[in-house]
Amino acid sequence: MHIALRERTGGEANPSAAVVNSQSVKSAEKGAVETTKSVTTPAKQVKGRKIHALVDGEGLPMRVVVHSATIQDRDGAELVLNKIRRRFPWLELI
């Protein structure tokens, strides 16, 4: 699906570079239903979740992982990258 979307937007079918990014997201306000326990990040003191995403040069997502806000960025990046080489073997730069 990723390759087809890149071709449709006029980009090269196989990206050679990608960027890993993270974002902390606050959990639901009081009174809303929470499905899992929320925690606070050590550095930012944000109560909620953290998203680590790998996107190509066009900004299209290649892999997204959502997990507890307590996870460090280096560990979250590892979770994002653990299967990327097999799925996108042509990546040269991350």
PDB file of N, CA and C in Angstrom:
ATOM      1  N   MET A   1       0.818  -1.180   0.000  1.00  0.00           N
ATOM      2  CA  MET A   1       0.000   0.000   0.000  1.00  0.00           C
ATOM      3  C   MET A   1       0.871   1.257   0.000  1.00  0.00           C
ATOM      4  N   HIS A   2       1.948   1.250   0.772  1.00  0.00           N
ATOM      5  CA  HIS A   2       2.850   2.394   0.842  1.00  0.00           C
ATOM      6  C   HIS A   2       3.455   2.693  -0.522  1.00  0.00           C
ATOM      7  N   ILE A   3       3.909   1.664  -1.221  1.00  0.00           N
ATOM      8  CA  ILE A   3       4.525   1.839  -2.534  1.00  0.00           C
ATOM      9  C   ILE A   3       3.509   2.377  -3.535  1.00  0.00           C
ATOM     10  N   ALA A   4       2.297   1.834  -3.517  1.00  0.00           N
ATOM     11  CA  ALA A   4       1.249   2.294  -4.445  1.00  0.00           C
ATOM     12  C   ALA A   4       0.911   3.762  -4.195  1.00  0.00           C
ATOM     13  N   LEU A   5       0.848   4.163  -2.947  1.00  0.00           N
ATOM     14  CA  LEU A   5       0.539   5.562  -2.624  1.00  0.00           C
ATOM     15  C   LEU A   5       1.658   6.490  -3.080  1.00  0.00           C
ATOM     16  N   ARG A   6       2.910   6.064  -2.897  1.00  0.00           N
ATOM     17  CA  ARG A   6       4.034   6.887  -3.374  1.00  0.00           C
ATOM     18  C   ARG A   6       3.997   7.037  -4.886  1.00  0.00           C
ATOM     19  N   GLU A   7       3.691   5.962  -5.596  1.00  0.00           N
ATOM     20  CA  GLU A   7       3.600   6.038  -7.054  1.00  0.00           C
ATOM     21  C   GLU A   7       2.463   6.954  -7.488  1.00  0.00           C
ATOM     22  N   ARG A   8       1.351   6.878  -6.778  1.00  0.00           N
ATOM     23  CA  ARG A   8       0.187   7.707  -7.111  1.00  0.00           C
ATOM     24  C   ARG A   8       0.478   9.190  -6.925  1.00  0.00           C
ATOM     25  N   THR A   9       1.307   9.529  -5.925  1.00  0.00           N
ATOM     26  CA  THR A   9       1.640  10.930  -5.677  1.00  0.00           C
ATOM     27  C   THR A   9       2.829  11.403  -6.512  1.00  0.00           C
ATOM     28  N   GLY A  10       3.349  10.541  -7.365  1.00  0.00           N
ATOM     29  CA  GLY A  10       4.430  10.925  -8.269  1.00  0.00           C
ATOM     30  C   GLY A  10       5.829  10.724  -7.704  1.00  0.00           C
ATOM     31  N   GLY A  11       5.935  10.111  -6.554  1.00  0.00           N
ATOM     32  CA  GLY A  11       7.246   9.869  -5.954  1.00  0.00           C
ATOM     33  C   GLY A  11       7.862   8.562  -6.435  1.00  0.00           C
ATOM     34  N   GLU A  12       9.123   8.391  -6.106  1.00  0.00           N
ATOM     35  CA  GLU A  12       9.811   7.131  -6.382  1.00  0.00           C
ATOM     36  C   GLU A  12       9.130   6.026  -5.581  1.00  0.00           C
ATOM     37  N   ALA A  13       8.928   4.874  -6.180  1.00  0.00           N
ATOM     38  CA  ALA A  13       8.200   3.792  -5.512  1.00  0.00           C
ATOM     39  C   ALA A  13       8.884   3.327  -4.234  1.00  0.00           C
ATOM     40  N   ASN A  14      10.208   3.272  -4.251  1.00  0.00           N
ATOM     41  CA  ASN A  14      10.958   2.772  -3.102  1.00  0.00           C
ATOM     42  C   ASN A  14      11.773   3.899  -2.481  1.00  0.00           C
ATOM     43  N   PRO A  15      11.379   4.397  -1.310  1.00  0.00           N
ATOM     44  CA  PRO A  15      12.147   5.480  -0.682  1.00  0.00           C
ATOM     45  C   PRO A  15      13.518   4.990  -0.236  1.00  0.00           C
ATOM     46  N   SER A  16      14.519   5.881  -0.325  1.00  0.00           N
ATOM     47  CA  SER A  16      15.863   5.507   0.111  1.00  0.00           C
ATOM     48  C   SER A  16      16.196   6.084   1.479  1.00  0.00           C
ATOM     49  N   ALA A  17      15.335   6.966   2.000  1.00  0.00           N
ATOM     50  CA  ALA A  17      15.591   7.583   3.300  1.00  0.00           C
ATOM     51  C   ALA A  17      14.292   7.679   4.096  1.00  0.00           C
ATOM     52  N   ALA A  18      14.432   7.684   5.420  1.00  0.00           N
ATOM     53  CA  ALA A  18      13.274   7.796   6.307  1.00  0.00           C
ATOM     54  C   ALA A  18      13.702   8.516   7.581  1.00  0.00           C
ATOM     55  N   VAL A  19      12.711   9.028   8.310  1.00  0.00           N
ATOM     56  CA  VAL A  19      12.956   9.783   9.542  1.00  0.00           C
ATOM     57  C   VAL A  19      12.137   9.169  10.665  1.00  0.00           C
ATOM     58  N   VAL A  20      12.757   9.009  11.843  1.00  0.00           N
ATOM     59  CA  VAL A  20      12.047   8.536  13.034  1.00  0.00           C
ATOM     60  C   VAL A  20      11.709   9.755  13.877  1.00  0.00           C
ATOM     61  N   ASN A  21      10.468   9.819  14.337  1.00  0.00           N
ATOM     62  CA  ASN A  21      10.036  10.928  15.173  1.00  0.00           C
ATOM     63  C   ASN A  21       9.214  10.378  16.327  1.00  0.00           C
ATOM     64  N   SER A  22       9.157  11.140  17.423  1.00  0.00           N
ATOM     65  CA  SER A  22       8.334  10.722  18.554  1.00  0.00           C
ATOM     66  C   SER A  22       7.494  11.891  19.026  1.00  0.00           C
ATOM     67  N   GLN A  23       6.369  11.556  19.635  1.00  0.00           N
ATOM     68  CA  GLN A  23       5.470  12.570  20.166  1.00  0.00           C
ATOM     69  C   GLN A  23       4.768  12.003  21.384  1.00  0.00           C
ATOM     70  N   SER A  24       4.713  12.799  22.449  1.00  0.00           N
ATOM     71  CA  SER A  24       3.950  12.418  23.634  1.00  0.00           C
ATOM     72  C   SER A  24       2.545  12.983  23.488  1.00  0.00           C
ATOM     73  N   VAL A  25       1.552  12.171  23.834  1.00  0.00           N
ATOM     74  CA  VAL A  25       0.158  12.564  23.679  1.00  0.00           C
ATOM     75  C   VAL A  25      -0.545  12.399  25.013  1.00  0.00           C
ATOM     76  N   LYS A  26      -1.232  13.445  25.446  1.00  0.00           N
ATOM     77  CA  LYS A  26      -1.966  13.374  26.703  1.00  0.00           C
ATOM     78  C   LYS A  26      -3.095  12.361  26.590  1.00  0.00           C
ATOM     79  N   SER A  27      -3.386  11.692  27.702  1.00  0.00           N
ATOM     80  CA  SER A  27      -4.498  10.747  27.721  1.00  0.00           C
ATOM     81  C   SER A  27      -5.806  11.502  27.902  1.00  0.00           C
ATOM     82  N   ALA A  28      -6.904  10.793  27.878  1.00  0.00           N
ATOM     83  CA  ALA A  28      -8.234  11.382  27.974  1.00  0.00           C
ATOM     84  C   ALA A  28      -8.410  12.135  29.289  1.00  0.00           C
ATOM     85  N   GLU A  29      -9.229  13.160  29.247  1.00  0.00           N
ATOM     86  CA  GLU A  29      -9.539  13.943  30.439  1.00  0.00           C
ATOM     87  C   GLU A  29     -10.352  13.110  31.422  1.00  0.00           C
ATOM     88  N   LYS A  30     -10.459  13.593  32.643  1.00  0.00           N
ATOM     89  CA  LYS A  30     -11.198  12.910  33.693  1.00  0.00           C
ATOM     90  C   LYS A  30     -12.643  12.693  33.248  1.00  0.00           C
ATOM     91  N   GLY A  31     -13.155  11.517  33.494  1.00  0.00           N
ATOM     92  CA  GLY A  31     -14.522  11.182  33.129  1.00  0.00           C
ATOM     93  C   GLY A  31     -14.612  10.371  31.850  1.00  0.00           C
ATOM     94  N   ALA A  32     -13.567  10.406  31.046  1.00  0.00           N
ATOM     95  CA  ALA A  32     -13.569   9.607  29.828  1.00  0.00           C
ATOM     96  C   ALA A  32     -13.124   8.188  30.168  1.00  0.00           C
ATOM     97  N   VAL A  33     -13.494   7.254  29.335  1.00  0.00           N
ATOM     98  CA  VAL A  33     -13.127   5.864  29.550  1.00  0.00           C
ATOM     99  C   VAL A  33     -11.692   5.656  29.094  1.00  0.00           C
ATOM    100  N   GLU A  34     -10.848   5.117  29.958  1.00  0.00           N
ATOM    101  CA  GLU A  34      -9.472   4.783  29.594  1.00  0.00           C
ATOM    102  C   GLU A  34      -9.365   3.270  29.480  1.00  0.00           C
ATOM    103  N   THR A  35      -8.742   2.819  28.393  1.00  0.00           N
ATOM    104  CA  THR A  35      -8.630   1.384  28.178  1.00  0.00           C
ATOM    105  C   THR A  35      -7.386   0.796  28.830  1.00  0.00           C
ATOM    106  N   THR A  36      -6.347   1.628  29.028  1.00  0.00           N
ATOM    107  CA  THR A  36      -5.125   1.142  29.664  1.00  0.00           C
ATOM    108  C   THR A  36      -4.641   2.176  30.667  1.00  0.00           C
ATOM    109  N   LYS A  37      -3.751   1.769  31.530  1.00  0.00           N
ATOM    110  CA  LYS A  37      -3.206   2.660  32.547  1.00  0.00           C
ATOM    111  C   LYS A  37      -2.321   3.717  31.896  1.00  0.00           C
ATOM    112  N   SER A  38      -2.541   4.985  32.254  1.00  0.00           N
ATOM    113  CA  SER A  38      -1.692   6.045  31.724  1.00  0.00           C
ATOM    114  C   SER A  38      -0.568   6.315  32.706  1.00  0.00           C
ATOM    115  N   VAL A  39       0.557   6.750  32.172  1.00  0.00           N
ATOM    116  CA  VAL A  39       1.728   7.026  33.000  1.00  0.00           C
ATOM    117  C   VAL A  39       2.325   8.361  32.584  1.00  0.00           C
ATOM    118  N   THR A  40       3.283   8.829  33.347  1.00  0.00           N
ATOM    119  CA  THR A  40       3.909  10.117  33.088  1.00  0.00           C
ATOM    120  C   THR A  40       5.313   9.915  32.549  1.00  0.00           C
ATOM    121  N   THR A  41       5.676  10.683  31.517  1.00  0.00           N
ATOM    122  CA  THR A  41       7.038  10.609  31.000  1.00  0.00           C
ATOM    123  C   THR A  41       7.977  11.275  31.987  1.00  0.00           C
ATOM    124  N   PRO A  42       9.175  10.745  32.167  1.00  0.00           N
ATOM    125  CA  PRO A  42      10.114  11.330  33.119  1.00  0.00           C
ATOM    126  C   PRO A  42      10.566  12.743  32.725  1.00  0.00           C
ATOM    127  N   ALA A  43      10.825  12.979  31.448  1.00  0.00           N
ATOM    128  CA  ALA A  43      11.380  14.261  31.024  1.00  0.00           C
ATOM    129  C   ALA A  43      10.317  15.343  30.867  1.00  0.00           C
ATOM    130  N   LYS A  44       9.213  15.023  30.262  1.00  0.00           N
ATOM    131  CA  LYS A  44       8.212  16.032  29.932  1.00  0.00           C
ATOM    132  C   LYS A  44       7.056  16.096  30.913  1.00  0.00           C
ATOM    133  N   GLN A  45       6.930  15.127  31.778  1.00  0.00           N
ATOM    134  CA  GLN A  45       5.817  15.067  32.723  1.00  0.00           C
ATOM    135  C   GLN A  45       4.466  15.101  32.010  1.00  0.00           C
ATOM    136  N   VAL A  46       4.350  14.350  30.921  1.00  0.00           N
ATOM    137  CA  VAL A  46       3.095  14.233  30.192  1.00  0.00           C
ATOM    138  C   VAL A  46       2.441  12.921  30.559  1.00  0.00           C
ATOM    139  N   LYS A  47       1.199  12.981  30.993  1.00  0.00           N
ATOM    140  CA  LYS A  47       0.473  11.777  31.365  1.00  0.00           C
ATOM    141  C   LYS A  47      -0.231  11.255  30.119  1.00  0.00           C
ATOM    142  N   GLY A  48       0.127  10.074  29.675  1.00  0.00           N
ATOM    143  CA  GLY A  48      -0.531   9.541  28.490  1.00  0.00           C
ATOM    144  C   GLY A  48       0.272   8.506  27.731  1.00  0.00           C
ATOM    145  N   ARG A  49       0.338   8.676  26.422  1.00  0.00           N
ATOM    146  CA  ARG A  49       0.972   7.724  25.511  1.00  0.00           C
ATOM    147  C   ARG A  49       2.097   8.394  24.743  1.00  0.00           C
ATOM    148  N   LYS A  50       2.927   7.581  24.109  1.00  0.00           N
ATOM    149  CA  LYS A  50       3.972   8.100  23.237  1.00  0.00           C
ATOM    150  C   LYS A  50       3.858   7.390  21.895  1.00  0.00           C
ATOM    151  N   ILE A  51       4.029   8.160  20.841  1.00  0.00           N
ATOM    152  CA  ILE A  51       3.964   7.638  19.482  1.00  0.00           C
ATOM    153  C   ILE A  51       5.354   7.763  18.862  1.00  0.00           C
ATOM    154  N   HIS A  52       5.867   6.671  18.332  1.00  0.00           N
ATOM    155  CA  HIS A  52       7.097   6.699  17.547  1.00  0.00           C
ATOM    156  C   HIS A  52       6.705   6.328  16.120  1.00  0.00           C
ATOM    157  N   ALA A  53       7.138   7.150  15.167  1.00  0.00           N
ATOM    158  CA  ALA A  53       6.753   6.930  13.776  1.00  0.00           C
ATOM    159  C   ALA A  53       7.965   7.014  12.866  1.00  0.00           C
ATOM    160  N   LEU A  54       7.965   6.195  11.832  1.00  0.00           N
ATOM    161  CA  LEU A  54       8.965   6.252  10.774  1.00  0.00           C
ATOM    162  C   LEU A  54       8.229   6.731   9.529  1.00  0.00           C
ATOM    163  N   VAL A  55       8.680   7.850   8.967  1.00  0.00           N
ATOM    164  CA  VAL A  55       8.043   8.399   7.767  1.00  0.00           C
ATOM    165  C   VAL A  55       9.077   8.541   6.662  1.00  0.00           C
ATOM    166  N   ASP A  56       8.615   8.470   5.415  1.00  0.00           N
ATOM    167  CA  ASP A  56       9.524   8.651   4.287  1.00  0.00           C
ATOM    168  C   ASP A  56       9.695  10.140   3.997  1.00  0.00           C
ATOM    169  N   GLY A  57      10.436  10.468   2.962  1.00  0.00           N
ATOM    170  CA  GLY A  57      10.710  11.855   2.617  1.00  0.00           C
ATOM    171  C   GLY A  57       9.491  12.652   2.215  1.00  0.00           C
ATOM    172  N   GLU A  58       8.423  11.979   1.834  1.00  0.00           N
ATOM    173  CA  GLU A  58       7.175  12.646   1.459  1.00  0.00           C
ATOM    174  C   GLU A  58       6.249  12.811   2.658  1.00  0.00           C
ATOM    175  N   GLY A  59       6.665  12.288   3.819  1.00  0.00           N
ATOM    176  CA  GLY A  59       5.841  12.384   5.022  1.00  0.00           C
ATOM    177  C   GLY A  59       4.840  11.259   5.176  1.00  0.00           C
ATOM    178  N   LEU A  60       4.922  10.253   4.325  1.00  0.00           N
ATOM    179  CA  LEU A  60       4.011   9.113   4.408  1.00  0.00           C
ATOM    180  C   LEU A  60       4.502   8.140   5.474  1.00  0.00           C
ATOM    181  N   PRO A  61       3.620   7.694   6.360  1.00  0.00           N
ATOM    182  CA  PRO A  61       4.050   6.779   7.425  1.00  0.00           C
ATOM    183  C   PRO A  61       4.449   5.421   6.878  1.00  0.00           C
ATOM    184  N   MET A  62       5.556   4.901   7.401  1.00  0.00           N
ATOM    185  CA  MET A  62       6.028   3.572   7.032  1.00  0.00           C
ATOM    186  C   MET A  62       5.776   2.588   8.165  1.00  0.00           C
ATOM    187  N   ARG A  63       5.842   3.081   9.396  1.00  0.00           N
ATOM    188  CA  ARG A  63       5.554   2.266  10.578  1.00  0.00           C
ATOM    189  C   ARG A  63       5.278   3.205  11.749  1.00  0.00           C
ATOM    190  N   VAL A  64       4.266   2.878  12.537  1.00  0.00           N
ATOM    191  CA  VAL A  64       3.888   3.669  13.703  1.00  0.00           C
ATOM    192  C   VAL A  64       3.693   2.720  14.878  1.00  0.00           C
ATOM    193  N   VAL A  65       4.278   3.078  16.029  1.00  0.00           N
ATOM    194  CA  VAL A  65       4.135   2.287  17.246  1.00  0.00           C
ATOM    195  C   VAL A  65       3.629   3.219  18.346  1.00  0.00           C
ATOM    196  N   VAL A  66       2.552   2.822  19.032  1.00  0.00           N
ATOM    197  CA  VAL A  66       2.000   3.585  20.151  1.00  0.00           C
ATOM    198  C   VAL A  66       2.192   2.763  21.410  1.00  0.00           C
ATOM    199  N   HIS A  67       2.732   3.394  22.463  1.00  0.00           N
ATOM    200  CA  HIS A  67       2.999   2.676  23.696  1.00  0.00           C
ATOM    201  C   HIS A  67       2.967   3.625  24.877  1.00  0.00           C
ATOM    202  N   SER A  68       3.306   3.141  26.024  1.00  0.00           N
ATOM    203  CA  SER A  68       3.323   3.924  27.260  1.00  0.00           C
ATOM    204  C   SER A  68       4.257   5.122  27.126  1.00  0.00           C
ATOM    205  N   ALA A  69       3.892   6.225  27.760  1.00  0.00           N
ATOM    206  CA  ALA A  69       4.705   7.440  27.696  1.00  0.00           C
ATOM    207  C   ALA A  69       6.028   7.305  28.443  1.00  0.00           C
ATOM    208  N   THR A  70       6.194   6.276  29.241  1.00  0.00           N
ATOM    209  CA  THR A  70       7.436   6.119  30.009  1.00  0.00           C
ATOM    210  C   THR A  70       8.597   5.581  29.184  1.00  0.00           C
ATOM    211  N   ILE A  71       8.342   5.071  28.019  1.00  0.00           N
ATOM    212  CA  ILE A  71       9.415   4.477  27.220  1.00  0.00           C
ATOM    213  C   ILE A  71      10.348   5.572  26.691  1.00  0.00           C
ATOM    214  N   GLN A  72      11.645   5.319  26.754  1.00  0.00           N
ATOM    215  CA  GLN A  72      12.638   6.276  26.273  1.00  0.00           C
ATOM    216  C   GLN A  72      12.659   6.275  24.739  1.00  0.00           C
ATOM    217  N   ASP A  73      13.079   7.390  24.153  1.00  0.00           N
ATOM    218  CA  ASP A  73      13.090   7.508  22.695  1.00  0.00           C
ATOM    219  C   ASP A  73      13.984   6.468  22.026  1.00  0.00           C
ATOM    220  N   ARG A  74      15.126   6.163  22.623  1.00  0.00           N
ATOM    221  CA  ARG A  74      16.018   5.170  22.007  1.00  0.00           C
ATOM    222  C   ARG A  74      15.357   3.796  21.958  1.00  0.00           C
ATOM    223  N   ASP A  75      14.583   3.457  22.994  1.00  0.00           N
ATOM    224  CA  ASP A  75      13.892   2.171  23.022  1.00  0.00           C
ATOM    225  C   ASP A  75      12.708   2.172  22.068  1.00  0.00           C
ATOM    226  N   GLY A  76      12.013   3.294  21.981  1.00  0.00           N
ATOM    227  CA  GLY A  76      10.890   3.410  21.055  1.00  0.00           C
ATOM    228  C   GLY A  76      11.350   3.327  19.610  1.00  0.00           C
ATOM    229  N   ALA A  77      12.490   3.951  19.314  1.00  0.00           N
ATOM    230  CA  ALA A  77      13.045   3.889  17.962  1.00  0.00           C
ATOM    231  C   ALA A  77      13.389   2.450  17.593  1.00  0.00           C
ATOM    232  N   GLU A  78      13.907   1.710  18.543  1.00  0.00           N
ATOM    233  CA  GLU A  78      14.225   0.300  18.292  1.00  0.00           C
ATOM    234  C   GLU A  78      12.964  -0.493  17.951  1.00  0.00           C
ATOM    235  N   LEU A  79      11.858  -0.199  18.648  1.00  0.00           N
ATOM    236  CA  LEU A  79      10.587  -0.871  18.355  1.00  0.00           C
ATOM    237  C   LEU A  79      10.096  -0.551  16.949  1.00  0.00           C
ATOM    238  N   VAL A  80      10.305   0.683  16.512  1.00  0.00           N
ATOM    239  CA  VAL A  80       9.883   1.090  15.171  1.00  0.00           C
ATOM    240  C   VAL A  80      10.755   0.426  14.112  1.00  0.00           C
ATOM    241  N   LEU A  81      12.045   0.338  14.370  1.00  0.00           N
ATOM    242  CA  LEU A  81      12.989  -0.141  13.357  1.00  0.00           C
ATOM    243  C   LEU A  81      13.170  -1.649  13.312  1.00  0.00           C
ATOM    244  N   ASN A  82      12.645  -2.385  14.290  1.00  0.00           N
ATOM    245  CA  ASN A  82      12.966  -3.807  14.392  1.00  0.00           C
ATOM    246  C   ASN A  82      12.549  -4.645  13.185  1.00  0.00           C
ATOM    247  N   LYS A  83      11.537  -4.251  12.447  1.00  0.00           N
ATOM    248  CA  LYS A  83      11.115  -5.044  11.283  1.00  0.00           C
ATOM    249  C   LYS A  83      11.229  -4.272   9.978  1.00  0.00           C
ATOM    250  N   ILE A  84      11.725  -3.059  10.027  1.00  0.00           N
ATOM    251  CA  ILE A  84      11.760  -2.199   8.846  1.00  0.00           C
ATOM    252  C   ILE A  84      12.722  -2.715   7.780  1.00  0.00           C
ATOM    253  N   ARG A  85      13.878  -3.195   8.174  1.00  0.00           N
ATOM    254  CA  ARG A  85      14.866  -3.660   7.188  1.00  0.00           C
ATOM    255  C   ARG A  85      14.321  -4.793   6.315  1.00  0.00           C
ATOM    256  N   ARG A  86      13.509  -5.651   6.891  1.00  0.00           N
ATOM    257  CA  ARG A  86      12.933  -6.746   6.095  1.00  0.00           C
ATOM    258  C   ARG A  86      11.834  -6.237   5.166  1.00  0.00           C
ATOM    259  N   ARG A  87      11.067  -5.266   5.637  1.00  0.00           N
ATOM    260  CA  ARG A  87       9.945  -4.767   4.836  1.00  0.00           C
ATOM    261  C   ARG A  87      10.388  -3.750   3.779  1.00  0.00           C
ATOM    262  N   PHE A  88      11.403  -2.932   4.105  1.00  0.00           N
ATOM    263  CA  PHE A  88      11.917  -1.910   3.193  1.00  0.00           C
ATOM    264  C   PHE A  88      13.422  -2.087   3.069  1.00  0.00           C
ATOM    265  N   PRO A  89      13.903  -3.133   2.399  1.00  0.00           N
ATOM    266  CA  PRO A  89      15.344  -3.416   2.348  1.00  0.00           C
ATOM    267  C   PRO A  89      16.150  -2.376   1.575  1.00  0.00           C
ATOM    268  N   TRP A  90      15.523  -1.550   0.769  1.00  0.00           N
ATOM    269  CA  TRP A  90      16.220  -0.560  -0.040  1.00  0.00           C
ATOM    270  C   TRP A  90      16.541   0.732   0.725  1.00  0.00           C
ATOM    271  N   LEU A  91      16.084   0.850   1.986  1.00  0.00           N
ATOM    272  CA  LEU A  91      16.391   2.045   2.768  1.00  0.00           C
ATOM    273  C   LEU A  91      17.891   2.171   2.989  1.00  0.00           C
ATOM    274  N   GLU A  92      18.447   3.317   2.667  1.00  0.00           N
ATOM    275  CA  GLU A  92      19.877   3.566   2.832  1.00  0.00           C
ATOM    276  C   GLU A  92      20.179   4.463   4.018  1.00  0.00           C
ATOM    277  N   LEU A  93      19.222   5.325   4.376  1.00  0.00           N
ATOM    278  CA  LEU A  93      19.469   6.330   5.402  1.00  0.00           C
ATOM    279  C   LEU A  93      18.262   6.442   6.312  1.00  0.00           C
ATOM    280  N   ILE A  94      18.481   6.284   7.625  1.00  0.00           N
ATOM    281  CA  ILE A  94      17.408   6.442   8.609  1.00  0.00           C
ATOM    282  C   ILE A  94      17.891   7.427   9.651  1.00  0.00           C
TER     283      ILE A  94
END
